[in-house]
Amino acid sequence: MRAEPIDILTLERHAEAAEALLKAMANRSRLMVLCVLHDGEFSVGELNARIPLSQSALSQHLATLRRAGLVTTRRAAQTVYYRLSDRVASALITVLHDHFCGRVPAAEPGKVS
């Protein structure tokens, strides 16, 4: 038995939210930041030690992720700490990590496995 079809306005709102999330994530550097933050909370300096970006580029990517609601900050004295705050983004990072970095062999670029 099929569930009731979703109305087009609801579908459009859901698609718009998914599009915004994917746009914020659809950058190699931001994906690397999200992968690191998936392991916990890090300062900008700690992130910079793990990700090969200039500090200004890293700050710009963090600002994009913060505006999109994917990360939040916590200040301790002079240090700002970042952590992943969106559960959907966290779930997507888990799937991407498992596929590309974990137990499932990665597909060749451009090919679906």
PDB file of N, CA and C in Angstrom:
ATOM      1  N   MET A   1       0.825  -1.167   0.000  1.00  0.00           N
ATOM      2  CA  MET A   1       0.000   0.000   0.000  1.00  0.00           C
ATOM      3  C   MET A   1       0.882   1.248   0.000  1.00  0.00           C
ATOM      4  N   ARG A   2       0.602   2.195  -0.875  1.00  0.00           N
ATOM      5  CA  ARG A   2       1.393   3.410  -0.998  1.00  0.00           C
ATOM      6  C   ARG A   2       0.954   4.458   0.010  1.00  0.00           C
ATOM      7  N   ALA A   3       1.921   5.229   0.467  1.00  0.00           N
ATOM      8  CA  ALA A   3       1.611   6.354   1.349  1.00  0.00           C
ATOM      9  C   ALA A   3       0.985   7.465   0.518  1.00  0.00           C
ATOM     10  N   GLU A   4       0.307   8.362   1.196  1.00  0.00           N
ATOM     11  CA  GLU A   4      -0.287   9.508   0.508  1.00  0.00           C
ATOM     12  C   GLU A   4       0.812  10.296  -0.195  1.00  0.00           C
ATOM     13  N   PRO A   5       0.557  10.750  -1.410  1.00  0.00           N
ATOM     14  CA  PRO A   5       1.572  11.545  -2.098  1.00  0.00           C
ATOM     15  C   PRO A   5       1.782  12.875  -1.378  1.00  0.00           C
ATOM     16  N   ILE A   6       3.008  13.333  -1.384  1.00  0.00           N
ATOM     17  CA  ILE A   6       3.332  14.597  -0.735  1.00  0.00           C
ATOM     18  C   ILE A   6       2.875  15.742  -1.634  1.00  0.00           C
ATOM     19  N   ASP A   7       2.344  16.797  -1.041  1.00  0.00           N
ATOM     20  CA  ASP A   7       1.880  17.898  -1.883  1.00  0.00           C
ATOM     21  C   ASP A   7       3.084  18.658  -2.441  1.00  0.00           C
ATOM     22  N   ILE A   8       2.895  19.298  -3.564  1.00  0.00           N
ATOM     23  CA  ILE A   8       3.989  19.910  -4.310  1.00  0.00           C
ATOM     24  C   ILE A   8       4.667  21.030  -3.525  1.00  0.00           C
ATOM     25  N   LEU A   9       3.925  21.800  -2.739  1.00  0.00           N
ATOM     26  CA  LEU A   9       4.539  22.882  -1.961  1.00  0.00           C
ATOM     27  C   LEU A   9       5.460  22.335  -0.874  1.00  0.00           C
ATOM     28  N   THR A  10       5.027  21.266  -0.231  1.00  0.00           N
ATOM     29  CA  THR A  10       5.875  20.625   0.773  1.00  0.00           C
ATOM     30  C   THR A  10       7.109  20.038   0.114  1.00  0.00           C
ATOM     31  N   LEU A  11       6.923  19.375  -1.011  1.00  0.00           N
ATOM     32  CA  LEU A  11       8.049  18.804  -1.747  1.00  0.00           C
ATOM     33  C   LEU A  11       9.039  19.895  -2.144  1.00  0.00           C
ATOM     34  N   GLU A  12       8.523  21.017  -2.604  1.00  0.00           N
ATOM     35  CA  GLU A  12       9.389  22.127  -3.007  1.00  0.00           C
ATOM     36  C   GLU A  12      10.177  22.679  -1.816  1.00  0.00           C
ATOM     37  N   ARG A  13       9.539  22.836  -0.657  1.00  0.00           N
ATOM     38  CA  ARG A  13      10.235  23.319   0.543  1.00  0.00           C
ATOM     39  C   ARG A  13      11.329  22.346   0.968  1.00  0.00           C
ATOM     40  N   HIS A  14      11.027  21.059   0.926  1.00  0.00           N
ATOM     41  CA  HIS A  14      12.025  20.052   1.305  1.00  0.00           C
ATOM     42  C   HIS A  14      13.190  20.054   0.320  1.00  0.00           C
ATOM     43  N   ALA A  15      12.880  20.161  -0.967  1.00  0.00           N
ATOM     44  CA  ALA A  15      13.936  20.196  -1.989  1.00  0.00           C
ATOM     45  C   ALA A  15      14.808  21.438  -1.822  1.00  0.00           C
ATOM     46  N   GLU A  16      14.194  22.557  -1.479  1.00  0.00           N
ATOM     47  CA  GLU A  16      14.948  23.799  -1.274  1.00  0.00           C
ATOM     48  C   GLU A  16      15.899  23.671  -0.078  1.00  0.00           C
ATOM     49  N   ALA A  17      15.421  23.065   1.000  1.00  0.00           N
ATOM     50  CA  ALA A  17      16.269  22.862   2.179  1.00  0.00           C
ATOM     51  C   ALA A  17      17.427  21.919   1.859  1.00  0.00           C
ATOM     52  N   ALA A  18      17.145  20.844   1.122  1.00  0.00           N
ATOM     53  CA  ALA A  18      18.197  19.902   0.731  1.00  0.00           C
ATOM     54  C   ALA A  18      19.209  20.582  -0.180  1.00  0.00           C
ATOM     55  N   GLU A  19      18.718  21.391  -1.107  1.00  0.00           N
ATOM     56  CA  GLU A  19      19.606  22.113  -2.021  1.00  0.00           C
ATOM     57  C   GLU A  19      20.547  23.043  -1.248  1.00  0.00           C
ATOM     58  N   ALA A  20      20.023  23.770  -0.268  1.00  0.00           N
ATOM     59  CA  ALA A  20      20.848  24.683   0.523  1.00  0.00           C
ATOM     60  C   ALA A  20      21.926  23.920   1.291  1.00  0.00           C
ATOM     61  N   LEU A  21      21.553  22.787   1.874  1.00  0.00           N
ATOM     62  CA  LEU A  21      22.518  21.966   2.597  1.00  0.00           C
ATOM     63  C   LEU A  21      23.609  21.464   1.660  1.00  0.00           C
ATOM     64  N   LEU A  22      23.203  20.919   0.519  1.00  0.00           N
ATOM     65  CA  LEU A  22      24.176  20.372  -0.426  1.00  0.00           C
ATOM     66  C   LEU A  22      25.066  21.458  -1.023  1.00  0.00           C
ATOM     67  N   LYS A  23      24.515  22.645  -1.268  1.00  0.00           N
ATOM     68  CA  LYS A  23      25.334  23.759  -1.773  1.00  0.00           C
ATOM     69  C   LYS A  23      26.419  24.127  -0.773  1.00  0.00           C
ATOM     70  N   ALA A  24      26.060  24.176   0.508  1.00  0.00           N
ATOM     71  CA  ALA A  24      27.042  24.520   1.533  1.00  0.00           C
ATOM     72  C   ALA A  24      28.130  23.459   1.633  1.00  0.00           C
ATOM     73  N   MET A  25      27.780  22.208   1.392  1.00  0.00           N
ATOM     74  CA  MET A  25      28.733  21.109   1.497  1.00  0.00           C
ATOM     75  C   MET A  25      29.525  20.883   0.210  1.00  0.00           C
ATOM     76  N   ALA A  26      29.041  21.386  -0.915  1.00  0.00           N
ATOM     77  CA  ALA A  26      29.589  21.045  -2.233  1.00  0.00           C
ATOM     78  C   ALA A  26      30.861  21.818  -2.562  1.00  0.00           C
ATOM     79  N   ASN A  27      31.867  21.616  -1.747  1.00  0.00           N
ATOM     80  CA  ASN A  27      33.168  22.226  -1.954  1.00  0.00           C
ATOM     81  C   ASN A  27      34.188  21.318  -1.279  1.00  0.00           C
ATOM     82  N   ARG A  28      35.250  21.005  -1.982  1.00  0.00           N
ATOM     83  CA  ARG A  28      36.256  20.068  -1.457  1.00  0.00           C
ATOM     84  C   ARG A  28      36.793  20.517  -0.094  1.00  0.00           C
ATOM     85  N   SER A  29      37.130  21.787   0.034  1.00  0.00           N
ATOM     86  CA  SER A  29      37.692  22.278   1.297  1.00  0.00           C
ATOM     87  C   SER A  29      36.668  22.217   2.424  1.00  0.00           C
ATOM     88  N   ARG A  30      35.426  22.593   2.133  1.00  0.00           N
ATOM     89  CA  ARG A  30      34.393  22.532   3.176  1.00  0.00           C
ATOM     90  C   ARG A  30      34.098  21.088   3.572  1.00  0.00           C
ATOM     91  N   LEU A  31      34.143  20.171   2.616  1.00  0.00           N
ATOM     92  CA  LEU A  31      33.964  18.753   2.965  1.00  0.00           C
ATOM     93  C   LEU A  31      35.081  18.283   3.892  1.00  0.00           C
ATOM     94  N   MET A  32      36.309  18.729   3.615  1.00  0.00           N
ATOM     95  CA  MET A  32      37.426  18.354   4.485  1.00  0.00           C
ATOM     96  C   MET A  32      37.218  18.911   5.894  1.00  0.00           C
ATOM     97  N   VAL A  33      36.764  20.157   5.996  1.00  0.00           N
ATOM     98  CA  VAL A  33      36.483  20.760   7.302  1.00  0.00           C
ATOM     99  C   VAL A  33      35.408  19.950   8.026  1.00  0.00           C
ATOM    100  N   LEU A  34      34.327  19.624   7.323  1.00  0.00           N
ATOM    101  CA  LEU A  34      33.239  18.862   7.943  1.00  0.00           C
ATOM    102  C   LEU A  34      33.703  17.478   8.379  1.00  0.00           C
ATOM    103  N   CYS A  35      34.559  16.848   7.592  1.00  0.00           N
ATOM    104  CA  CYS A  35      35.086  15.529   7.978  1.00  0.00           C
ATOM    105  C   CYS A  35      35.898  15.625   9.268  1.00  0.00           C
ATOM    106  N   VAL A  36      36.741  16.649   9.374  1.00  0.00           N
ATOM    107  CA  VAL A  36      37.524  16.820  10.600  1.00  0.00           C
ATOM    108  C   VAL A  36      36.596  17.110  11.777  1.00  0.00           C
ATOM    109  N   LEU A  37      35.629  18.009  11.576  1.00  0.00           N
ATOM    110  CA  LEU A  37      34.712  18.362  12.664  1.00  0.00           C
ATOM    111  C   LEU A  37      33.795  17.210  13.057  1.00  0.00           C
ATOM    112  N   HIS A  38      33.634  16.244  12.170  1.00  0.00           N
ATOM    113  CA  HIS A  38      32.830  15.065  12.507  1.00  0.00           C
ATOM    114  C   HIS A  38      33.461  14.306  13.669  1.00  0.00           C
ATOM    115  N   ASP A  39      34.780  14.467  13.839  1.00  0.00           N
ATOM    116  CA  ASP A  39      35.492  13.803  14.932  1.00  0.00           C
ATOM    117  C   ASP A  39      35.444  14.583  16.241  1.00  0.00           C
ATOM    118  N   GLY A  40      34.902  15.799  16.216  1.00  0.00           N
ATOM    119  CA  GLY A  40      34.808  16.566  17.453  1.00  0.00           C
ATOM    120  C   GLY A  40      34.974  18.051  17.236  1.00  0.00           C
ATOM    121  N   GLU A  41      35.230  18.747  18.326  1.00  0.00           N
ATOM    122  CA  GLU A  41      35.353  20.200  18.330  1.00  0.00           C
ATOM    123  C   GLU A  41      36.825  20.592  18.171  1.00  0.00           C
ATOM    124  N   PHE A  42      37.077  21.588  17.303  1.00  0.00           N
ATOM    125  CA  PHE A  42      38.448  22.022  17.043  1.00  0.00           C
ATOM    126  C   PHE A  42      38.514  23.537  16.942  1.00  0.00           C
ATOM    127  N   SER A  43      39.652  24.088  17.349  1.00  0.00           N
ATOM    128  CA  SER A  43      39.898  25.516  17.156  1.00  0.00           C
ATOM    129  C   SER A  43      40.328  25.740  15.707  1.00  0.00           C
ATOM    130  N   VAL A  44      40.343  27.004  15.298  1.00  0.00           N
ATOM    131  CA  VAL A  44      40.791  27.325  13.942  1.00  0.00           C
ATOM    132  C   VAL A  44      42.228  26.850  13.746  1.00  0.00           C
ATOM    133  N   GLY A  45      43.070  27.063  14.742  1.00  0.00           N
ATOM    134  CA  GLY A  45      44.465  26.620  14.649  1.00  0.00           C
ATOM    135  C   GLY A  45      44.583  25.113  14.491  1.00  0.00           C
ATOM    136  N   GLU A  46      43.773  24.376  15.246  1.00  0.00           N
ATOM    137  CA  GLU A  46      43.788  22.910  15.139  1.00  0.00           C
ATOM    138  C   GLU A  46      43.292  22.458  13.772  1.00  0.00           C
ATOM    139  N   LEU A  47      42.244  23.118  13.268  1.00  0.00           N
ATOM    140  CA  LEU A  47      41.751  22.796  11.924  1.00  0.00           C
ATOM    141  C   LEU A  47      42.811  23.111  10.886  1.00  0.00           C
ATOM    142  N   ASN A  48      43.471  24.258  11.046  1.00  0.00           N
ATOM    143  CA  ASN A  48      44.492  24.684  10.093  1.00  0.00           C
ATOM    144  C   ASN A  48      45.670  23.716  10.054  1.00  0.00           C
ATOM    145  N   ALA A  49      45.967  23.075  11.185  1.00  0.00           N
ATOM    146  CA  ALA A  49      47.050  22.090  11.228  1.00  0.00           C
ATOM    147  C   ALA A  49      46.674  20.808  10.490  1.00  0.00           C
ATOM    148  N   ARG A  50      45.381  20.541  10.342  1.00  0.00           N
ATOM    149  CA  ARG A  50      44.914  19.305   9.708  1.00  0.00           C
ATOM    150  C   ARG A  50      44.515  19.488   8.245  1.00  0.00           C
ATOM    151  N   ILE A  51      44.198  20.720   7.860  1.00  0.00           N
ATOM    152  CA  ILE A  51      43.681  20.980   6.510  1.00  0.00           C
ATOM    153  C   ILE A  51      44.604  21.974   5.816  1.00  0.00           C
ATOM    154  N   PRO A  52      45.129  21.623   4.647  1.00  0.00           N
ATOM    155  CA  PRO A  52      46.108  22.476   3.961  1.00  0.00           C
ATOM    156  C   PRO A  52      45.477  23.689   3.264  1.00  0.00           C
ATOM    157  N   LEU A  53      45.041  24.660   4.065  1.00  0.00           N
ATOM    158  CA  LEU A  53      44.472  25.907   3.552  1.00  0.00           C
ATOM    159  C   LEU A  53      45.129  27.071   4.278  1.00  0.00           C
ATOM    160  N   SER A  54      45.147  28.223   3.639  1.00  0.00           N
ATOM    161  CA  SER A  54      45.586  29.419   4.354  1.00  0.00           C
ATOM    162  C   SER A  54      44.557  29.708   5.441  1.00  0.00           C
ATOM    163  N   GLN A  55      44.969  30.443   6.463  1.00  0.00           N
ATOM    164  CA  GLN A  55      44.034  30.734   7.543  1.00  0.00           C
ATOM    165  C   GLN A  55      42.864  31.574   7.043  1.00  0.00           C
ATOM    166  N   SER A  56      43.117  32.485   6.093  1.00  0.00           N
ATOM    167  CA  SER A  56      42.011  33.307   5.581  1.00  0.00           C
ATOM    168  C   SER A  56      41.025  32.462   4.780  1.00  0.00           C
ATOM    169  N   ALA A  57      41.523  31.530   3.968  1.00  0.00           N
ATOM    170  CA  ALA A  57      40.622  30.647   3.204  1.00  0.00           C
ATOM    171  C   ALA A  57      39.814  29.767   4.149  1.00  0.00           C
ATOM    172  N   LEU A  58      40.478  29.219   5.165  1.00  0.00           N
ATOM    173  CA  LEU A  58      39.778  28.387   6.147  1.00  0.00           C
ATOM    174  C   LEU A  58      38.692  29.199   6.854  1.00  0.00           C
ATOM    175  N   SER A  59      39.014  30.421   7.238  1.00  0.00           N
ATOM    176  CA  SER A  59      38.026  31.272   7.909  1.00  0.00           C
ATOM    177  C   SER A  59      36.827  31.550   7.017  1.00  0.00           C
ATOM    178  N   GLN A  60      37.066  31.762   5.725  1.00  0.00           N
ATOM    179  CA  GLN A  60      35.959  31.993   4.790  1.00  0.00           C
ATOM    180  C   GLN A  60      35.066  30.761   4.686  1.00  0.00           C
ATOM    181  N   HIS A  61      35.677  29.580   4.607  1.00  0.00           N
ATOM    182  CA  HIS A  61      34.887  28.348   4.530  1.00  0.00           C
ATOM    183  C   HIS A  61      34.105  28.122   5.828  1.00  0.00           C
ATOM    184  N   LEU A  62      34.733  28.391   6.959  1.00  0.00           N
ATOM    185  CA  LEU A  62      34.031  28.249   8.238  1.00  0.00           C
ATOM    186  C   LEU A  62      32.860  29.223   8.330  1.00  0.00           C
ATOM    187  N   ALA A  63      33.037  30.433   7.817  1.00  0.00           N
ATOM    188  CA  ALA A  63      31.944  31.413   7.820  1.00  0.00           C
ATOM    189  C   ALA A  63      30.781  30.926   6.961  1.00  0.00           C
ATOM    190  N   THR A  64      31.083  30.342   5.808  1.00  0.00           N
ATOM    191  CA  THR A  64      30.036  29.789   4.938  1.00  0.00           C
ATOM    192  C   THR A  64      29.280  28.679   5.656  1.00  0.00           C
ATOM    193  N   LEU A  65      30.007  27.787   6.303  1.00  0.00           N
ATOM    194  CA  LEU A  65      29.378  26.679   7.031  1.00  0.00           C
ATOM    195  C   LEU A  65      28.563  27.188   8.220  1.00  0.00           C
ATOM    196  N   ARG A  66      29.052  28.230   8.870  1.00  0.00           N
ATOM    197  CA  ARG A  66      28.322  28.807  10.003  1.00  0.00           C
ATOM    198  C   ARG A  66      27.030  29.469   9.525  1.00  0.00           C
ATOM    199  N   ARG A  67      27.107  30.242   8.438  1.00  0.00           N
ATOM    200  CA  ARG A  67      25.898  30.886   7.893  1.00  0.00           C
ATOM    201  C   ARG A  67      24.858  29.851   7.471  1.00  0.00           C
ATOM    202  N   ALA A  68      25.321  28.708   6.974  1.00  0.00           N
ATOM    203  CA  ALA A  68      24.409  27.643   6.548  1.00  0.00           C
ATOM    204  C   ALA A  68      23.861  26.849   7.732  1.00  0.00           C
ATOM    205  N   GLY A  69      24.377  27.104   8.926  1.00  0.00           N
ATOM    206  CA  GLY A  69      23.898  26.403  10.115  1.00  0.00           C
ATOM    207  C   GLY A  69      24.496  25.024  10.304  1.00  0.00           C
ATOM    208  N   LEU A  70      25.579  24.730   9.595  1.00  0.00           N
ATOM    209  CA  LEU A  70      26.182  23.400   9.702  1.00  0.00           C
ATOM    210  C   LEU A  70      27.176  23.297  10.843  1.00  0.00           C
ATOM    211  N   VAL A  71      27.751  24.425  11.252  1.00  0.00           N
ATOM    212  CA  VAL A  71      28.683  24.441  12.380  1.00  0.00           C
ATOM    213  C   VAL A  71      28.276  25.543  13.350  1.00  0.00           C
ATOM    214  N   THR A  72      28.663  25.359  14.599  1.00  0.00           N
ATOM    215  CA  THR A  72      28.485  26.393  15.612  1.00  0.00           C
ATOM    216  C   THR A  72      29.831  26.653  16.265  1.00  0.00           C
ATOM    217  N   THR A  73      29.902  27.757  16.983  1.00  0.00           N
ATOM    218  CA  THR A  73      31.153  28.144  17.623  1.00  0.00           C
ATOM    219  C   THR A  73      30.977  28.245  19.126  1.00  0.00           C
ATOM    220  N   ARG A  74      32.116  28.151  19.784  1.00  0.00           N
ATOM    221  CA  ARG A  74      32.196  28.360  21.228  1.00  0.00           C
ATOM    222  C   ARG A  74      33.497  29.103  21.475  1.00  0.00           C
ATOM    223  N   ARG A  75      33.413  30.179  22.233  1.00  0.00           N
ATOM    224  CA  ARG A  75      34.612  30.967  22.525  1.00  0.00           C
ATOM    225  C   ARG A  75      35.111  30.640  23.928  1.00  0.00           C
ATOM    226  N   ALA A  76      36.419  30.420  24.030  1.00  0.00           N
ATOM    227  CA  ALA A  76      37.086  30.234  25.316  1.00  0.00           C
ATOM    228  C   ALA A  76      38.284  31.182  25.324  1.00  0.00           C
ATOM    229  N   ALA A  77      38.152  32.280  26.047  1.00  0.00           N
ATOM    230  CA  ALA A  77      39.168  33.341  26.067  1.00  0.00           C
ATOM    231  C   ALA A  77      39.367  33.863  24.642  1.00  0.00           C
ATOM    232  N   GLN A  78      40.565  33.736  24.092  1.00  0.00           N
ATOM    233  CA  GLN A  78      40.869  34.237  22.749  1.00  0.00           C
ATOM    234  C   GLN A  78      40.587  33.214  21.650  1.00  0.00           C
ATOM    235  N   THR A  79      40.272  31.990  22.025  1.00  0.00           N
ATOM    236  CA  THR A  79      40.155  30.897  21.059  1.00  0.00           C
ATOM    237  C   THR A  79      38.699  30.619  20.718  1.00  0.00           C
ATOM    238  N   VAL A  80      38.441  30.466  19.415  1.00  0.00           N
ATOM    239  CA  VAL A  80      37.105  30.095  18.944  1.00  0.00           C
ATOM    240  C   VAL A  80      37.154  28.634  18.518  1.00  0.00           C
ATOM    241  N   TYR A  81      36.241  27.844  19.047  1.00  0.00           N
ATOM    242  CA  TYR A  81      36.143  26.427  18.712  1.00  0.00           C
ATOM    243  C   TYR A  81      34.927  26.206  17.815  1.00  0.00           C
ATOM    244  N   TYR A  82      35.090  25.318  16.853  1.00  0.00           N
ATOM    245  CA  TYR A  82      34.011  24.971  15.921  1.00  0.00           C
ATOM    246  C   TYR A  82      33.611  23.530  16.133  1.00  0.00           C
ATOM    247  N   ARG A  83      32.321  23.277  15.935  1.00  0.00           N
ATOM    248  CA  ARG A  83      31.834  21.891  15.973  1.00  0.00           C
ATOM    249  C   ARG A  83      30.679  21.755  14.991  1.00  0.00           C
ATOM    250  N   LEU A  84      30.497  20.549  14.515  1.00  0.00           N
ATOM    251  CA  LEU A  84      29.393  20.222  13.616  1.00  0.00           C
ATOM    252  C   LEU A  84      28.099  20.330  14.410  1.00  0.00           C
ATOM    253  N   SER A  85      27.092  21.003  13.846  1.00  0.00           N
ATOM    254  CA  SER A  85      25.859  21.212  14.605  1.00  0.00           C
ATOM    255  C   SER A  85      24.606  20.718  13.895  1.00  0.00           C
ATOM    256  N   ASP A  86      24.734  20.300  12.658  1.00  0.00           N
ATOM    257  CA  ASP A  86      23.566  19.870  11.890  1.00  0.00           C
ATOM    258  C   ASP A  86      23.563  18.346  11.805  1.00  0.00           C
ATOM    259  N   ARG A  87      22.502  17.722  12.320  1.00  0.00           N
ATOM    260  CA  ARG A  87      22.479  16.244  12.349  1.00  0.00           C
ATOM    261  C   ARG A  87      22.390  15.637  10.952  1.00  0.00           C
ATOM    262  N   VAL A  88      21.724  16.313  10.018  1.00  0.00           N
ATOM    263  CA  VAL A  88      21.640  15.790   8.649  1.00  0.00           C
ATOM    264  C   VAL A  88      23.012  15.858   7.990  1.00  0.00           C
ATOM    265  N   ALA A  89      23.706  16.983   8.157  1.00  0.00           N
ATOM    266  CA  ALA A  89      25.061  17.102   7.610  1.00  0.00           C
ATOM    267  C   ALA A  89      25.970  16.044   8.227  1.00  0.00           C
ATOM    268  N   SER A  90      25.824  15.813   9.522  1.00  0.00           N
ATOM    269  CA  SER A  90      26.624  14.788  10.196  1.00  0.00           C
ATOM    270  C   SER A  90      26.355  13.406   9.610  1.00  0.00           C
ATOM    271  N   ALA A  91      25.083  13.099   9.368  1.00  0.00           N
ATOM    272  CA  ALA A  91      24.730  11.799   8.773  1.00  0.00           C
ATOM    273  C   ALA A  91      25.304  11.676   7.365  1.00  0.00           C
ATOM    274  N   LEU A  92      25.235  12.751   6.584  1.00  0.00           N
ATOM    275  CA  LEU A  92      25.792  12.716   5.226  1.00  0.00           C
ATOM    276  C   LEU A  92      27.306  12.541   5.256  1.00  0.00           C
ATOM    277  N   ILE A  93      27.975  13.227   6.179  1.00  0.00           N
ATOM    278  CA  ILE A  93      29.428  13.080   6.301  1.00  0.00           C
ATOM    279  C   ILE A  93      29.776  11.646   6.675  1.00  0.00           C
ATOM    280  N   THR A  94      28.985  11.027   7.542  1.00  0.00           N
ATOM    281  CA  THR A  94      29.221   9.624   7.902  1.00  0.00           C
ATOM    282  C   THR A  94      29.131   8.730   6.673  1.00  0.00           C
ATOM    283  N   VAL A  95      28.098   8.915   5.866  1.00  0.00           N
ATOM    284  CA  VAL A  95      27.931   8.112   4.645  1.00  0.00           C
ATOM    285  C   VAL A  95      29.090   8.367   3.682  1.00  0.00           C
ATOM    286  N   LEU A  96      29.435   9.633   3.478  1.00  0.00           N
ATOM    287  CA  LEU A  96      30.539   9.962   2.570  1.00  0.00           C
ATOM    288  C   LEU A  96      31.856   9.394   3.081  1.00  0.00           C
ATOM    289  N   HIS A  97      32.088   9.503   4.388  1.00  0.00           N
ATOM    290  CA  HIS A  97      33.320   8.958   4.962  1.00  0.00           C
ATOM    291  C   HIS A  97      33.380   7.448   4.781  1.00  0.00           C
ATOM    292  N   ASP A  98      32.283   6.758   5.084  1.00  0.00           N
ATOM    293  CA  ASP A  98      32.256   5.304   4.924  1.00  0.00           C
ATOM    294  C   ASP A  98      32.527   4.911   3.479  1.00  0.00           C
ATOM    295  N   HIS A  99      31.974   5.660   2.549  1.00  0.00           N
ATOM    296  CA  HIS A  99      32.125   5.307   1.135  1.00  0.00           C
ATOM    297  C   HIS A  99      33.513   5.655   0.596  1.00  0.00           C
ATOM    298  N   PHE A 100      34.000   6.846   0.895  1.00  0.00           N
ATOM    299  CA  PHE A 100      35.239   7.308   0.282  1.00  0.00           C
ATOM    300  C   PHE A 100      36.477   7.080   1.136  1.00  0.00           C
ATOM    301  N   CYS A 101      36.333   6.991   2.453  1.00  0.00           N
ATOM    302  CA  CYS A 101      37.496   6.875   3.335  1.00  0.00           C
ATOM    303  C   CYS A 101      37.487   5.608   4.183  1.00  0.00           C
ATOM    304  N   GLY A 102      36.365   4.936   4.209  1.00  0.00           N
ATOM    305  CA  GLY A 102      36.216   3.831   5.144  1.00  0.00           C
ATOM    306  C   GLY A 102      36.216   2.475   4.507  1.00  0.00           C
ATOM    307  N   ARG A 103      35.246   1.693   4.922  1.00  0.00           N
ATOM    308  CA  ARG A 103      35.229   0.270   4.563  1.00  0.00           C
ATOM    309  C   ARG A 103      34.794  -0.011   3.137  1.00  0.00           C
ATOM    310  N   VAL A 104      34.013   0.878   2.528  1.00  0.00           N
ATOM    311  CA  VAL A 104      33.528   0.627   1.172  1.00  0.00           C
ATOM    312  C   VAL A 104      34.532   1.194   0.182  1.00  0.00           C
ATOM    313  N   PRO A 105      35.017   0.398  -0.790  1.00  0.00           N
ATOM    314  CA  PRO A 105      35.963   0.946  -1.768  1.00  0.00           C
ATOM    315  C   PRO A 105      35.324   2.091  -2.548  1.00  0.00           C
ATOM    316  N   ALA A 106      36.088   3.152  -2.751  1.00  0.00           N
ATOM    317  CA  ALA A 106      35.578   4.319  -3.479  1.00  0.00           C
ATOM    318  C   ALA A 106      35.442   4.007  -4.955  1.00  0.00           C
ATOM    319  N   ALA A 107      34.418   4.582  -5.560  1.00  0.00           N
ATOM    320  CA  ALA A 107      34.229   4.459  -7.005  1.00  0.00           C
ATOM    321  C   ALA A 107      35.236   5.358  -7.705  1.00  0.00           C
ATOM    322  N   GLU A 108      35.544   5.026  -8.940  1.00  0.00           N
ATOM    323  CA  GLU A 108      36.381   5.911  -9.738  1.00  0.00           C
ATOM    324  C   GLU A 108      35.594   7.187  -9.986  1.00  0.00           C
ATOM    325  N   PRO A 109      36.294   8.337 -10.068  1.00  0.00           N
ATOM    326  CA  PRO A 109      35.578   9.588 -10.330  1.00  0.00           C
ATOM    327  C   PRO A 109      34.698   9.472 -11.568  1.00  0.00           C
ATOM    328  N   GLY A 110      33.469   9.930 -11.441  1.00  0.00           N
ATOM    329  CA  GLY A 110      32.541   9.903 -12.567  1.00  0.00           C
ATOM    330  C   GLY A 110      31.795   8.597 -12.739  1.00  0.00           C
ATOM    331  N   LYS A 111      32.118   7.596 -11.931  1.00  0.00           N
ATOM    332  CA  LYS A 111      31.439   6.302 -12.034  1.00  0.00           C
ATOM    333  C   LYS A 111      30.683   6.017 -10.748  1.00  0.00           C
ATOM    334  N   VAL A 112      29.517   5.464 -10.895  1.00  0.00           N
ATOM    335  CA  VAL A 112      28.711   5.077  -9.739  1.00  0.00           C
ATOM    336  C   VAL A 112      28.962   3.610  -9.464  1.00  0.00           C
ATOM    337  N   SER A 113      29.248   3.287  -8.196  1.00  0.00           N
ATOM    338  CA  SER A 113      29.486   1.866  -7.882  1.00  0.00           C
ATOM    339  C   SER A 113      28.232   1.197  -7.407  1.00  0.00           C
TER     340      SER A 113
END
